[in-house]
Amino acid sequence: MISMVFLIPAGFGFVVWRSFKSAEVRRARGEQISTPGALRWEADETQR
């Protein structure tokens, strides 16, 4: 039971860390990271 207190957050942290690392690798290869056709908010859109 006590091991789950440590394993669940550690597992979640590992998944998040893997996500960031795989995004870095894809960005370095020049691949598109975002979903095609997704709407993205940009800061200059609200300052009109």
Protein backbone atom coordinates (compact mmCIF):
# COMPACT_ATOMS: atom_id res chain seq x y z
CA MET A 1 0.00 0.00 0.00
CA ILE A 2 2.71 2.47 0.92
CA SER A 3 4.59 1.60 -2.25
CA MET A 4 1.61 2.79 -4.30
CA VAL A 5 1.97 6.23 -2.68
CA PHE A 6 5.36 6.49 -4.36
CA LEU A 7 4.78 4.43 -7.52
CA ILE A 8 1.72 6.30 -8.81
CA PRO A 9 3.31 9.80 -8.75
CA ALA A 10 6.60 8.39 -10.03
CA GLY A 11 4.82 6.65 -12.91
CA PHE A 12 2.91 9.81 -13.79
CA GLY A 13 6.14 11.83 -13.67
CA PHE A 14 7.83 9.33 -15.96
CA VAL A 15 5.00 9.55 -18.51
CA VAL A 16 5.14 13.35 -18.51
CA TRP A 17 8.95 13.32 -18.80
CA ARG A 18 8.77 10.87 -21.75
CA SER A 19 6.23 13.12 -23.46
CA PHE A 20 8.52 16.14 -23.26
CA LYS A 21 11.56 14.16 -24.42
CA SER A 22 9.74 12.65 -27.41
CA ALA A 23 8.46 16.14 -28.37
CA GLU A 24 12.06 17.43 -28.30
CA VAL A 25 13.20 14.61 -30.58
CA ARG A 26 10.37 15.19 -33.05
CA ARG A 27 10.98 18.95 -33.02
CA ALA A 28 14.69 18.34 -33.73
CA ARG A 29 13.73 16.16 -36.72
CA GLY A 30 11.45 18.92 -37.99
CA GLU A 31 8.24 16.97 -37.52
CA GLN A 32 4.99 18.71 -36.63
CA ILE A 33 4.21 18.27 -32.96
CA SER A 34 0.71 19.71 -32.79
CA THR A 35 -2.37 18.01 -34.16
CA PRO A 36 -2.93 18.99 -37.81
CA GLY A 37 -5.78 21.47 -38.11
CA ALA A 38 -5.79 22.33 -34.41
CA LEU A 39 -6.60 25.92 -33.52
CA ARG A 40 -3.83 27.56 -31.54
CA TRP A 41 -4.10 30.67 -29.41
CA GLU A 42 -1.35 33.23 -29.88
CA ALA A 43 -0.73 36.23 -27.62
CA ASP A 44 -0.98 38.83 -30.41
CA GLU A 45 -4.54 37.74 -31.25
CA THR A 46 -5.98 39.30 -28.08
CA GLN A 47 -4.13 42.60 -28.30
CA ARG A 48 -6.10 44.08 -31.18
